[in-house]
PDB file of N, CA and C in Angstrom:
ATOM      1  N   MET A   1       5.249 150.618  -0.985  1.00  0.00           N
ATOM      2  CA  MET A   1       4.963 150.047   0.445  1.00  0.00           C
ATOM      3  C   MET A   1       6.504 150.854   1.157  1.00  0.00           C
ATOM      4  N   ILE A   2       6.051 151.146   2.560  1.00  0.00           N
ATOM      5  CA  ILE A   2       7.013 151.950   3.258  1.00  0.00           C
ATOM      6  C   ILE A   2       8.441 151.692   3.766  1.00  0.00           C
ATOM      7  N   LEU A   3       9.364 151.499   3.306  1.00  0.00           N
ATOM      8  CA  LEU A   3      10.378 151.226   3.737  1.00  0.00           C
ATOM      9  C   LEU A   3      11.090 151.711   5.039  1.00  0.00           C
ATOM     10  N   LEU A   4      11.317 150.769   6.063  1.00  0.00           N
ATOM     11  CA  LEU A   4      11.825 151.364   7.234  1.00  0.00           C
ATOM     12  C   LEU A   4      12.705 152.097   7.279  1.00  0.00           C
ATOM     13  N   ARG A   5      14.364 151.359   6.785  1.00  0.00           N
ATOM     14  CA  ARG A   5      15.331 151.519   6.039  1.00  0.00           C
ATOM     15  C   ARG A   5      15.082 153.379   5.507  1.00  0.00           C
ATOM     16  N   GLN A   6      14.103 153.960   4.811  1.00  0.00           N
ATOM     17  CA  GLN A   6      14.361 155.039   4.190  1.00  0.00           C
ATOM     18  C   GLN A   6      13.729 156.085   5.182  1.00  0.00           C
ATOM     19  N   LEU A   7      13.166 155.328   6.354  1.00  0.00           N
ATOM     20  CA  LEU A   7      12.483 156.269   7.160  1.00  0.00           C
ATOM     21  C   LEU A   7      13.293 156.669   8.453  1.00  0.00           C
ATOM     22  N   LEU A   8      14.553 155.563   8.247  1.00  0.00           N
ATOM     23  CA  LEU A   8      15.624 155.769   9.556  1.00  0.00           C
ATOM     24  C   LEU A   8      16.506 156.417   9.047  1.00  0.00           C
ATOM     25  N   GLY A   9      16.747 156.644   8.160  1.00  0.00           N
ATOM     26  CA  GLY A   9      17.914 157.373   7.121  1.00  0.00           C
ATOM     27  C   GLY A   9      17.542 158.475   6.964  1.00  0.00           C
ATOM     28  N   ASP A  10      16.336 158.956   6.634  1.00  0.00           N
ATOM     29  CA  ASP A  10      15.805 160.384   6.593  1.00  0.00           C
ATOM     30  C   ASP A  10      15.784 160.936   7.878  1.00  0.00           C
ATOM     31  N   VAL A  11      15.362 159.959   8.937  1.00  0.00           N
ATOM     32  CA  VAL A  11      15.391 160.725  10.259  1.00  0.00           C
ATOM     33  C   VAL A  11      16.915 161.431  10.894  1.00  0.00           C
ATOM     34  N   LEU A  12      17.944 160.335  10.292  1.00  0.00           N
ATOM     35  CA  LEU A  12      19.532 160.408  11.029  1.00  0.00           C
ATOM     36  C   LEU A  12      20.155 161.612  10.189  1.00  0.00           C
ATOM     37  N   ARG A  13      19.478 161.495   8.906  1.00  0.00           N
ATOM     38  CA  ARG A  13      20.111 163.019   8.317  1.00  0.00           C
ATOM     39  C   ARG A  13      19.401 164.109   8.410  1.00  0.00           C
ATOM     40  N   ARG A  14      18.146 164.265   8.614  1.00  0.00           N
ATOM     41  CA  ARG A  14      17.900 165.474   9.208  1.00  0.00           C
ATOM     42  C   ARG A  14      18.350 165.827  10.521  1.00  0.00           C
ATOM     43  N   LEU A  15      18.468 165.100  11.836  1.00  0.00           N
ATOM     44  CA  LEU A  15      19.229 164.885  12.334  1.00  0.00           C
ATOM     45  C   LEU A  15      20.692 165.785  12.583  1.00  0.00           C
ATOM     46  N   ARG A  16      21.677 165.199  11.730  1.00  0.00           N
ATOM     47  CA  ARG A  16      23.010 165.424  11.152  1.00  0.00           C
ATOM     48  C   ARG A  16      22.844 166.846  10.251  1.00  0.00           C
ATOM     49  N   VAL A  17      22.296 167.122   9.547  1.00  0.00           N
ATOM     50  CA  VAL A  17      21.793 167.977   8.761  1.00  0.00           C
ATOM     51  C   VAL A  17      21.756 169.576  10.358  1.00  0.00           C
ATOM     52  N   ARG A  18      20.767 169.442  10.597  1.00  0.00           N
ATOM     53  CA  ARG A  18      20.158 170.647  11.984  1.00  0.00           C
ATOM     54  C   ARG A  18      21.198 170.881  12.872  1.00  0.00           C
ATOM     55  N   GLN A  19      22.116 169.999  13.016  1.00  0.00           N
ATOM     56  CA  GLN A  19      23.490 170.232  13.868  1.00  0.00           C
ATOM     57  C   GLN A  19      24.834 170.716  12.747  1.00  0.00           C
ATOM     58  N   GLY A  20      24.751 170.664  11.837  1.00  0.00           N
ATOM     59  CA  GLY A  20      25.266 171.603  10.966  1.00  0.00           C
ATOM     60  C   GLY A  20      26.719 170.325  10.873  1.00  0.00           C
ATOM     61  N   ARG A  21      26.355 168.737  10.626  1.00  0.00           N
ATOM     62  CA  ARG A  21      27.771 168.250  10.595  1.00  0.00           C
ATOM     63  C   ARG A  21      27.739 167.487   9.232  1.00  0.00           C
ATOM     64  N   THR A  22      28.970 167.138   8.847  1.00  0.00           N
ATOM     65  CA  THR A  22      29.109 166.507   7.814  1.00  0.00           C
ATOM     66  C   THR A  22      29.078 165.091   8.320  1.00  0.00           C
ATOM     67  N   LEU A  23      28.470 164.495   7.030  1.00  0.00           N
ATOM     68  CA  LEU A  23      29.039 162.919   6.883  1.00  0.00           C
ATOM     69  C   LEU A  23      30.516 162.137   7.299  1.00  0.00           C
ATOM     70  N   ARG A  24      31.340 163.061   7.115  1.00  0.00           N
ATOM     71  CA  ARG A  24      32.703 162.797   7.575  1.00  0.00           C
ATOM     72  C   ARG A  24      32.573 163.017   9.082  1.00  0.00           C
ATOM     73  N   GLU A  25      32.270 163.970  10.075  1.00  0.00           N
ATOM     74  CA  GLU A  25      32.141 164.252  11.209  1.00  0.00           C
ATOM     75  C   GLU A  25      32.042 163.224  11.966  1.00  0.00           C
ATOM     76  N   VAL A  26      30.418 163.088  11.204  1.00  0.00           N
ATOM     77  CA  VAL A  26      29.961 162.056  12.360  1.00  0.00           C
ATOM     78  C   VAL A  26      30.450 160.433  11.613  1.00  0.00           C
ATOM     79  N   SER A  27      30.681 160.350  10.768  1.00  0.00           N
ATOM     80  CA  SER A  27      31.116 158.932  10.355  1.00  0.00           C
ATOM     81  C   SER A  27      32.424 158.532  11.156  1.00  0.00           C
ATOM     82  N   THR A  28      33.064 159.503  11.450  1.00  0.00           N
ATOM     83  CA  THR A  28      34.255 159.424  11.860  1.00  0.00           C
ATOM     84  C   THR A  28      34.258 159.124  13.272  1.00  0.00           C
ATOM     85  N   LEU A  29      33.513 160.179  14.359  1.00  0.00           N
ATOM     86  CA  LEU A  29      32.442 159.492  15.588  1.00  0.00           C
ATOM     87  C   LEU A  29      32.218 158.441  15.759  1.00  0.00           C
ATOM     88  N   ALA A  30      31.384 157.556  14.271  1.00  0.00           N
ATOM     89  CA  ALA A  30      30.602 156.600  14.842  1.00  0.00           C
ATOM     90  C   ALA A  30      31.121 155.488  14.430  1.00  0.00           C
ATOM     91  N   ARG A  31      32.818 155.314  14.044  1.00  0.00           N
ATOM     92  CA  ARG A  31      33.848 154.533  13.291  1.00  0.00           C
ATOM     93  C   ARG A  31      32.851 153.610  12.416  1.00  0.00           C
ATOM     94  N   VAL A  32      32.087 154.620  11.234  1.00  0.00           N
ATOM     95  CA  VAL A  32      31.561 153.565  10.501  1.00  0.00           C
ATOM     96  C   VAL A  32      32.404 154.175   8.982  1.00  0.00           C
ATOM     97  N   SER A  33      32.626 153.778   8.120  1.00  0.00           N
ATOM     98  CA  SER A  33      32.902 154.331   6.776  1.00  0.00           C
ATOM     99  C   SER A  33      31.777 155.317   6.114  1.00  0.00           C
ATOM    100  N   LEU A  34      32.193 156.385   6.068  1.00  0.00           N
ATOM    101  CA  LEU A  34      31.345 157.408   5.289  1.00  0.00           C
ATOM    102  C   LEU A  34      30.940 157.061   4.501  1.00  0.00           C
ATOM    103  N   GLY A  35      31.458 156.258   3.188  1.00  0.00           N
ATOM    104  CA  GLY A  35      30.238 155.205   2.833  1.00  0.00           C
ATOM    105  C   GLY A  35      28.903 154.837   2.910  1.00  0.00           C
ATOM    106  N   TYR A  36      29.441 154.161   4.143  1.00  0.00           N
ATOM    107  CA  TYR A  36      28.607 153.301   4.580  1.00  0.00           C
ATOM    108  C   TYR A  36      27.610 153.812   4.884  1.00  0.00           C
ATOM    109  N   LEU A  37      27.689 155.394   6.244  1.00  0.00           N
ATOM    110  CA  LEU A  37      26.729 156.057   6.788  1.00  0.00           C
ATOM    111  C   LEU A  37      25.995 156.979   5.449  1.00  0.00           C
ATOM    112  N   SER A  38      26.637 157.270   4.301  1.00  0.00           N
ATOM    113  CA  SER A  38      25.420 157.618   3.297  1.00  0.00           C
ATOM    114  C   SER A  38      24.550 156.663   2.718  1.00  0.00           C
ATOM    115  N   GLU A  39      25.004 155.503   2.956  1.00  0.00           N
ATOM    116  CA  GLU A  39      23.827 154.568   2.205  1.00  0.00           C
ATOM    117  C   GLU A  39      22.815 154.327   3.337  1.00  0.00           C
ATOM    118  N   VAL A  40      23.333 154.191   4.225  1.00  0.00           N
ATOM    119  CA  VAL A  40      22.094 154.604   5.724  1.00  0.00           C
ATOM    120  C   VAL A  40      21.315 155.394   5.664  1.00  0.00           C
ATOM    121  N   GLU A  41      21.914 156.596   5.802  1.00  0.00           N
ATOM    122  CA  GLU A  41      20.950 157.828   5.207  1.00  0.00           C
ATOM    123  C   GLU A  41      20.040 157.782   4.233  1.00  0.00           C
ATOM    124  N   ARG A  42      20.626 157.177   3.073  1.00  0.00           N
ATOM    125  CA  ARG A  42      19.550 157.535   1.653  1.00  0.00           C
ATOM    126  C   ARG A  42      18.654 156.181   1.675  1.00  0.00           C
ATOM    127  N   GLY A  43      18.460 155.683   2.950  1.00  0.00           N
ATOM    128  CA  GLY A  43      17.788 153.908   3.053  1.00  0.00           C
ATOM    129  C   GLY A  43      18.306 153.070   1.846  1.00  0.00           C
ATOM    130  N   GLN A  44      19.496 152.987   1.859  1.00  0.00           N
ATOM    131  CA  GLN A  44      20.525 151.924   0.785  1.00  0.00           C
ATOM    132  C   GLN A  44      20.763 150.914   1.604  1.00  0.00           C
ATOM    133  N   LYS A  45      20.755 150.818   2.869  1.00  0.00           N
ATOM    134  CA  LYS A  45      21.663 149.140   3.609  1.00  0.00           C
ATOM    135  C   LYS A  45      20.528 149.634   4.972  1.00  0.00           C
ATOM    136  N   GLU A  46      20.238 148.455   5.468  1.00  0.00           N
ATOM    137  CA  GLU A  46      20.006 148.006   6.983  1.00  0.00           C
ATOM    138  C   GLU A  46      21.042 148.411   7.548  1.00  0.00           C
ATOM    139  N   ALA A  47      20.436 149.131   8.908  1.00  0.00           N
ATOM    140  CA  ALA A  47      21.862 149.496  10.076  1.00  0.00           C
ATOM    141  C   ALA A  47      21.489 148.580  11.411  1.00  0.00           C
ATOM    142  N   SER A  48      22.318 147.877  11.809  1.00  0.00           N
ATOM    143  CA  SER A  48      22.300 147.076  12.778  1.00  0.00           C
ATOM    144  C   SER A  48      22.464 147.739  13.796  1.00  0.00           C
ATOM    145  N   SER A  49      21.562 146.986  15.041  1.00  0.00           N
ATOM    146  CA  SER A  49      21.416 147.663  15.786  1.00  0.00           C
ATOM    147  C   SER A  49      22.746 148.498  16.922  1.00  0.00           C
ATOM    148  N   GLU A  50      23.922 147.816  16.560  1.00  0.00           N
ATOM    149  CA  GLU A  50      25.045 148.492  17.210  1.00  0.00           C
ATOM    150  C   GLU A  50      24.956 149.482  16.171  1.00  0.00           C
ATOM    151  N   LEU A  51      25.615 149.553  14.962  1.00  0.00           N
ATOM    152  CA  LEU A  51      25.637 150.561  14.089  1.00  0.00           C
ATOM    153  C   LEU A  51      24.567 151.743  14.560  1.00  0.00           C
ATOM    154  N   LEU A  52      23.556 151.577  14.851  1.00  0.00           N
ATOM    155  CA  LEU A  52      22.917 152.722  14.981  1.00  0.00           C
ATOM    156  C   LEU A  52      23.149 153.143  16.943  1.00  0.00           C
ATOM    157  N   ALA A  53      23.420 152.454  17.350  1.00  0.00           N
ATOM    158  CA  ALA A  53      23.481 153.147  18.427  1.00  0.00           C
ATOM    159  C   ALA A  53      24.613 154.004  18.680  1.00  0.00           C
ATOM    160  N   SER A  54      25.711 153.530  17.566  1.00  0.00           N
ATOM    161  CA  SER A  54      26.867 154.398  17.090  1.00  0.00           C
ATOM    162  C   SER A  54      26.732 155.627  16.852  1.00  0.00           C
ATOM    163  N   ILE A  55      26.019 155.705  15.715  1.00  0.00           N
ATOM    164  CA  ILE A  55      25.580 157.083  15.093  1.00  0.00           C
ATOM    165  C   ILE A  55      24.907 157.798  15.690  1.00  0.00           C
ATOM    166  N   CYS A  56      23.840 157.427  16.461  1.00  0.00           N
ATOM    167  CA  CYS A  56      23.035 158.075  17.625  1.00  0.00           C
ATOM    168  C   CYS A  56      24.025 158.703  18.870  1.00  0.00           C
ATOM    169  N   GLY A  57      25.169 158.031  19.136  1.00  0.00           N
ATOM    170  CA  GLY A  57      26.419 158.224  19.774  1.00  0.00           C
ATOM    171  C   GLY A  57      27.160 159.100  19.149  1.00  0.00           C
ATOM    172  N   ALA A  58      27.327 159.367  17.732  1.00  0.00           N
ATOM    173  CA  ALA A  58      27.801 160.585  17.393  1.00  0.00           C
ATOM    174  C   ALA A  58      27.301 161.924  17.069  1.00  0.00           C
ATOM    175  N   LEU A  59      25.805 161.568  16.902  1.00  0.00           N
ATOM    176  CA  LEU A  59      25.144 162.881  17.161  1.00  0.00           C
ATOM    177  C   LEU A  59      24.473 162.846  18.416  1.00  0.00           C
ATOM    178  N   GLY A  60      25.179 162.570  19.540  1.00  0.00           N
ATOM    179  CA  GLY A  60      24.619 163.217  20.759  1.00  0.00           C
ATOM    180  C   GLY A  60      23.065 163.305  21.070  1.00  0.00           C
ATOM    181  N   VAL A  61      22.269 161.947  20.250  1.00  0.00           N
ATOM    182  CA  VAL A  61      20.890 161.791  20.739  1.00  0.00           C
ATOM    183  C   VAL A  61      20.593 160.423  20.614  1.00  0.00           C
ATOM    184  N   PRO A  62      19.497 160.323  22.009  1.00  0.00           N
ATOM    185  CA  PRO A  62      19.317 158.648  22.088  1.00  0.00           C
ATOM    186  C   PRO A  62      18.724 158.164  21.324  1.00  0.00           C
ATOM    187  N   LEU A  63      19.059 157.083  21.095  1.00  0.00           N
ATOM    188  CA  LEU A  63      18.599 155.659  20.237  1.00  0.00           C
ATOM    189  C   LEU A  63      17.249 156.000  20.234  1.00  0.00           C
ATOM    190  N   SER A  64      16.632 156.250  21.917  1.00  0.00           N
ATOM    191  CA  SER A  64      15.235 156.368  21.220  1.00  0.00           C
ATOM    192  C   SER A  64      14.885 157.688  21.040  1.00  0.00           C
ATOM    193  N   GLN A  65      15.231 158.045  20.492  1.00  0.00           N
ATOM    194  CA  GLN A  65      14.710 159.506  20.128  1.00  0.00           C
ATOM    195  C   GLN A  65      14.012 159.256  18.800  1.00  0.00           C
ATOM    196  N   VAL A  66      15.284 158.985  17.945  1.00  0.00           N
ATOM    197  CA  VAL A  66      15.488 158.754  16.699  1.00  0.00           C
ATOM    198  C   VAL A  66      14.250 157.543  16.406  1.00  0.00           C
ATOM    199  N   LEU A  67      14.229 156.331  17.401  1.00  0.00           N
ATOM    200  CA  LEU A  67      13.463 155.373  17.001  1.00  0.00           C
ATOM    201  C   LEU A  67      11.752 155.763  17.383  1.00  0.00           C
ATOM    202  N   ARG A  68      11.359 156.547  18.248  1.00  0.00           N
ATOM    203  CA  ARG A  68      10.485 157.640  18.437  1.00  0.00           C
ATOM    204  C   ARG A  68      10.032 158.541  16.930  1.00  0.00           C
ATOM    205  N   GLU A  69      10.943 158.915  16.465  1.00  0.00           N
ATOM    206  CA  GLU A  69      10.835 159.940  15.410  1.00  0.00           C
ATOM    207  C   GLU A  69      10.117 158.727  14.041  1.00  0.00           C
ATOM    208  N   VAL A  70      11.141 158.201  14.081  1.00  0.00           N
ATOM    209  CA  VAL A  70      11.151 157.024  13.048  1.00  0.00           C
ATOM    210  C   VAL A  70       9.446 156.449  13.140  1.00  0.00           C
ATOM    211  N   SER A  71       8.893 155.915  14.143  1.00  0.00           N
ATOM    212  CA  SER A  71       8.125 155.436  14.097  1.00  0.00           C
ATOM    213  C   SER A  71       6.936 156.437  14.134  1.00  0.00           C
ATOM    214  N   ASP A  72       6.738 157.601  14.770  1.00  0.00           N
ATOM    215  CA  ASP A  72       5.667 158.525  14.041  1.00  0.00           C
ATOM    216  C   ASP A  72       5.516 158.951  13.076  1.00  0.00           C
ATOM    217  N   GLN A  73       6.527 158.994  12.182  1.00  0.00           N
ATOM    218  CA  GLN A  73       6.414 158.889  10.511  1.00  0.00           C
ATOM    219  C   GLN A  73       6.270 157.585   9.721  1.00  0.00           C
ATOM    220  N   PHE A  74       6.611 156.720  10.212  1.00  0.00           N
ATOM    221  CA  PHE A  74       6.301 155.052   9.765  1.00  0.00           C
ATOM    222  C   PHE A  74       4.285 155.370  10.241  1.00  0.00           C
ATOM    223  N   ALA A  75       3.888 155.548  11.154  1.00  0.00           N
ATOM    224  CA  ALA A  75       2.636 156.090  11.906  1.00  0.00           C
ATOM    225  C   ALA A  75       1.502 156.756  10.806  1.00  0.00           C
ATOM    226  N   LEU A  76       2.539 157.722  10.495  1.00  0.00           N
ATOM    227  CA  LEU A  76       1.651 158.315   9.370  1.00  0.00           C
ATOM    228  C   LEU A  76       1.584 158.344   8.086  1.00  0.00           C
ATOM    229  N   ALA A  77       2.738 157.503   7.935  1.00  0.00           N
ATOM    230  CA  ALA A  77       2.628 157.245   6.330  1.00  0.00           C
ATOM    231  C   ALA A  77       1.729 155.795   5.820  1.00  0.00           C
ATOM    232  N   GLU A  78       1.578 155.237   7.398  1.00  0.00           N
ATOM    233  CA  GLU A  78       0.505 153.917   6.972  1.00  0.00           C
ATOM    234  C   GLU A  78      -0.831 154.840   7.270  1.00  0.00           C
ATOM    235  N   LEU A  79      -1.058 155.905   7.957  1.00  0.00           N
ATOM    236  CA  LEU A  79      -2.248 156.541   7.663  1.00  0.00           C
ATOM    237  C   LEU A  79      -2.914 157.067   6.892  1.00  0.00           C
ATOM    238  N   GLN A  80      -1.896 157.605   6.005  1.00  0.00           N
ATOM    239  CA  GLN A  80      -2.035 158.294   4.638  1.00  0.00           C
ATOM    240  C   GLN A  80      -2.045 157.063   3.709  1.00  0.00           C
ATOM    241  N   ALA A  81      -1.417 156.247   3.626  1.00  0.00           N
ATOM    242  CA  ALA A  81      -1.774 154.833   2.532  1.00  0.00           C
ATOM    243  C   ALA A  81      -2.993 153.839   2.798  1.00  0.00           C
ATOM    244  N   ALA A  82      -3.761 154.314   4.020  1.00  0.00           N
ATOM    245  CA  ALA A  82      -4.377 153.273   4.125  1.00  0.00           C
ATOM    246  C   ALA A  82      -6.016 153.508   3.614  1.00  0.00           C
ATOM    247  N   PRO A  83      -6.102 153.057   3.020  1.00  0.00           N
ATOM    248  CA  PRO A  83      -7.665 153.024   1.765  1.00  0.00           C
ATOM    249  C   PRO A  83      -9.012 153.365   2.951  1.00  0.00           C
ATOM    250  N   VAL A  84      -9.199 152.463   3.787  1.00  0.00           N
ATOM    251  CA  VAL A  84     -10.226 153.245   4.560  1.00  0.00           C
ATOM    252  C   VAL A  84     -10.516 154.457   5.124  1.00  0.00           C
ATOM    253  N   LEU A  85      -8.791 154.683   5.722  1.00  0.00           N
ATOM    254  CA  LEU A  85      -9.302 155.792   6.179  1.00  0.00           C
ATOM    255  C   LEU A  85      -9.320 157.368   4.807  1.00  0.00           C
ATOM    256  N   ALA A  86      -9.016 156.841   4.395  1.00  0.00           N
ATOM    257  CA  ALA A  86      -9.084 157.695   3.024  1.00  0.00           C
ATOM    258  C   ALA A  86     -10.727 157.657   2.616  1.00  0.00           C
ATOM    259  N   GLU A  87     -11.611 156.954   2.783  1.00  0.00           N
ATOM    260  CA  GLU A  87     -12.367 156.757   2.279  1.00  0.00           C
ATOM    261  C   GLU A  87     -13.558 157.396   3.726  1.00  0.00           C
ATOM    262  N   ALA A  88     -12.422 157.485   4.652  1.00  0.00           N
ATOM    263  CA  ALA A  88     -13.243 157.585   6.211  1.00  0.00           C
ATOM    264  C   ALA A  88     -14.209 159.589   5.567  1.00  0.00           C
ATOM    265  N   PRO A  89     -15.327 160.077   6.288  1.00  0.00           N
ATOM    266  CA  PRO A  89     -15.464 161.187   6.319  1.00  0.00           C
ATOM    267  C   PRO A  89     -14.352 162.292   7.215  1.00  0.00           C
ATOM    268  N   GLU A  90     -14.333 163.656   7.013  1.00  0.00           N
ATOM    269  CA  GLU A  90     -13.239 164.297   7.129  1.00  0.00           C
ATOM    270  C   GLU A  90     -13.361 164.388   9.020  1.00  0.00           C
ATOM    271  N   HIS A  91     -14.980 164.258   9.199  1.00  0.00           N
ATOM    272  CA  HIS A  91     -15.131 164.895  10.522  1.00  0.00           C
ATOM    273  C   HIS A  91     -14.729 164.010  11.343  1.00  0.00           C
ATOM    274  N   GLU A  92     -13.873 162.179  10.683  1.00  0.00           N
ATOM    275  CA  GLU A  92     -14.110 161.431  11.522  1.00  0.00           C
ATOM    276  C   GLU A  92     -12.595 161.289  11.651  1.00  0.00           C
ATOM    277  N   ARG A  93     -11.331 161.726  10.838  1.00  0.00           N
ATOM    278  CA  ARG A  93     -10.450 161.461  10.773  1.00  0.00           C
ATOM    279  C   ARG A  93      -9.862 162.006  11.997  1.00  0.00           C
ATOM    280  N   ILE A  94      -8.450 162.221  12.589  1.00  0.00           N
ATOM    281  CA  ILE A  94      -8.171 162.233  13.670  1.00  0.00           C
ATOM    282  C   ILE A  94      -6.480 162.915  13.258  1.00  0.00           C
ATOM    283  N   PRO A  95      -5.686 163.407  12.840  1.00  0.00           N
ATOM    284  CA  PRO A  95      -4.922 164.094  12.130  1.00  0.00           C
ATOM    285  C   PRO A  95      -3.400 163.869  13.119  1.00  0.00           C
ATOM    286  N   LEU A  96      -2.655 162.802  13.081  1.00  0.00           N
ATOM    287  CA  LEU A  96      -1.525 162.299  13.685  1.00  0.00           C
ATOM    288  C   LEU A  96      -1.014 163.177  14.420  1.00  0.00           C
ATOM    289  N   ALA A  97      -0.261 164.176  13.964  1.00  0.00           N
ATOM    290  CA  ALA A  97      -0.226 165.180  15.111  1.00  0.00           C
ATOM    291  C   ALA A  97      -0.587 165.811  16.374  1.00  0.00           C
ATOM    292  N   GLU A  98      -1.934 165.744  16.248  1.00  0.00           N
ATOM    293  CA  GLU A  98      -2.957 165.909  17.339  1.00  0.00           C
ATOM    294  C   GLU A  98      -3.166 164.995  17.980  1.00  0.00           C
ATOM    295  N   SER A  99      -3.102 163.708  17.715  1.00  0.00           N
ATOM    296  CA  SER A  99      -3.348 162.476  18.560  1.00  0.00           C
ATOM    297  C   SER A  99      -2.569 161.657  18.798  1.00  0.00           C
ATOM    298  N   VAL A 100      -1.300 161.756  18.660  1.00  0.00           N
ATOM    299  CA  VAL A 100      -0.178 161.138  19.632  1.00  0.00           C
ATOM    300  C   VAL A 100       0.566 162.613  20.047  1.00  0.00           C
ATOM    301  N   PRO A 101       0.819 162.836  21.338  1.00  0.00           N
ATOM    302  CA  PRO A 101       1.484 163.926  22.235  1.00  0.00           C
ATOM    303  C   PRO A 101       3.067 163.447  21.521  1.00  0.00           C
ATOM    304  N   GLY A 102       3.359 164.550  21.266  1.00  0.00           N
ATOM    305  CA  GLY A 102       4.918 164.438  20.741  1.00  0.00           C
ATOM    306  C   GLY A 102       5.213 164.268  19.617  1.00  0.00           C
ATOM    307  N   SER A 103       4.310 163.915  18.976  1.00  0.00           N
ATOM    308  CA  SER A 103       4.217 163.547  17.168  1.00  0.00           C
ATOM    309  C   SER A 103       4.997 164.672  16.229  1.00  0.00           C
ATOM    310  N   ILE A 104       5.704 164.225  15.209  1.00  0.00           N
ATOM    311  CA  ILE A 104       6.206 164.780  14.392  1.00  0.00           C
ATOM    312  C   ILE A 104       5.090 165.520  13.206  1.00  0.00           C
ATOM    313  N   SER A 105       4.758 166.650  13.089  1.00  0.00           N
ATOM    314  CA  SER A 105       3.701 166.479  11.823  1.00  0.00           C
ATOM    315  C   SER A 105       4.496 166.123  10.625  1.00  0.00           C
ATOM    316  N   ASP A 106       3.475 165.933   9.678  1.00  0.00           N
ATOM    317  CA  ASP A 106       4.474 166.060   8.084  1.00  0.00           C
ATOM    318  C   ASP A 106       4.588 166.898   7.722  1.00  0.00           C
ATOM    319  N   SER A 107       4.507 167.890   7.874  1.00  0.00           N
ATOM    320  CA  SER A 107       5.577 168.988   7.559  1.00  0.00           C
ATOM    321  C   SER A 107       6.994 168.684   7.979  1.00  0.00           C
ATOM    322  N   VAL A 108       6.870 168.433   8.547  1.00  0.00           N
ATOM    323  CA  VAL A 108       8.368 168.235   8.902  1.00  0.00           C
ATOM    324  C   VAL A 108       9.369 167.435   8.236  1.00  0.00           C
ATOM    325  N   PHE A 109       8.325 166.515   7.663  1.00  0.00           N
ATOM    326  CA  PHE A 109       8.864 165.367   6.879  1.00  0.00           C
ATOM    327  C   PHE A 109       8.173 164.526   5.556  1.00  0.00           C
ATOM    328  N   PRO A 110       8.093 165.897   4.731  1.00  0.00           N
ATOM    329  CA  PRO A 110       7.376 165.927   3.529  1.00  0.00           C
ATOM    330  C   PRO A 110       7.485 164.848   2.691  1.00  0.00           C
ATOM    331  N   GLU A 111       8.958 164.132   2.446  1.00  0.00           N
ATOM    332  CA  GLU A 111       9.086 163.172   1.633  1.00  0.00           C
ATOM    333  C   GLU A 111       7.959 161.755   2.125  1.00  0.00           C
ATOM    334  N   VAL A 112       7.880 161.686   3.395  1.00  0.00           N
ATOM    335  CA  VAL A 112       7.315 160.569   3.726  1.00  0.00           C
ATOM    336  C   VAL A 112       5.949 160.498   2.800  1.00  0.00           C
ATOM    337  N   LYS A 113       4.797 161.653   2.196  1.00  0.00           N
ATOM    338  CA  LYS A 113       4.346 161.811   1.438  1.00  0.00           C
ATOM    339  C   LYS A 113       4.720 161.345  -0.264  1.00  0.00           C
ATOM    340  N   ASP A 114       5.807 161.736  -0.365  1.00  0.00           N
ATOM    341  CA  ASP A 114       5.895 161.388  -2.173  1.00  0.00           C
ATOM    342  C   ASP A 114       6.164 159.753  -1.961  1.00  0.00           C
ATOM    343  N   MET A 115       6.623 159.257  -0.581  1.00  0.00           N
ATOM    344  CA  MET A 115       7.270 157.833  -0.320  1.00  0.00           C
ATOM    345  C   MET A 115       5.777 156.783  -0.538  1.00  0.00           C
ATOM    346  N   VAL A 116       4.995 157.436  -0.313  1.00  0.00           N
ATOM    347  CA  VAL A 116       3.444 156.476  -0.443  1.00  0.00           C
ATOM    348  C   VAL A 116       2.602 157.158  -1.146  1.00  0.00           C
ATOM    349  N   ALA A 117       3.451 158.090  -1.823  1.00  0.00           N
ATOM    350  CA  ALA A 117       1.903 158.313  -3.084  1.00  0.00           C
ATOM    351  C   ALA A 117       2.979 157.350  -4.043  1.00  0.00           C
ATOM    352  N   ALA A 118       4.325 156.725  -4.019  1.00  0.00           N
ATOM    353  CA  ALA A 118       4.823 156.149  -4.940  1.00  0.00           C
ATOM    354  C   ALA A 118       4.336 154.839  -5.071  1.00  0.00           C
TER     355      ALA A 118
END
């Protein structure tokens, strides 16, 4: 099963790491404990909308962008897990990265394949 909290945590962690920021920096700016932010990033805790807005503010990224990236990855994971699509002839399949403008390819989030395979 695909867990939204895991995909959300992956996106938040990736954004933080890309910025070269530490958990401590972001947790201080977001006014959330370092341990709780770590659990959110690892997909162990469900973050409230208020907490997500605070974390996104600390990262300087719009919440809508984070949710869009999570949505793209969720859709990709669903497509990869769908038995109907897996049985479709190759020429009838539409890769997500080509079908959704601005979507992120699965090479950016390779762990999605691992979650789906589990």
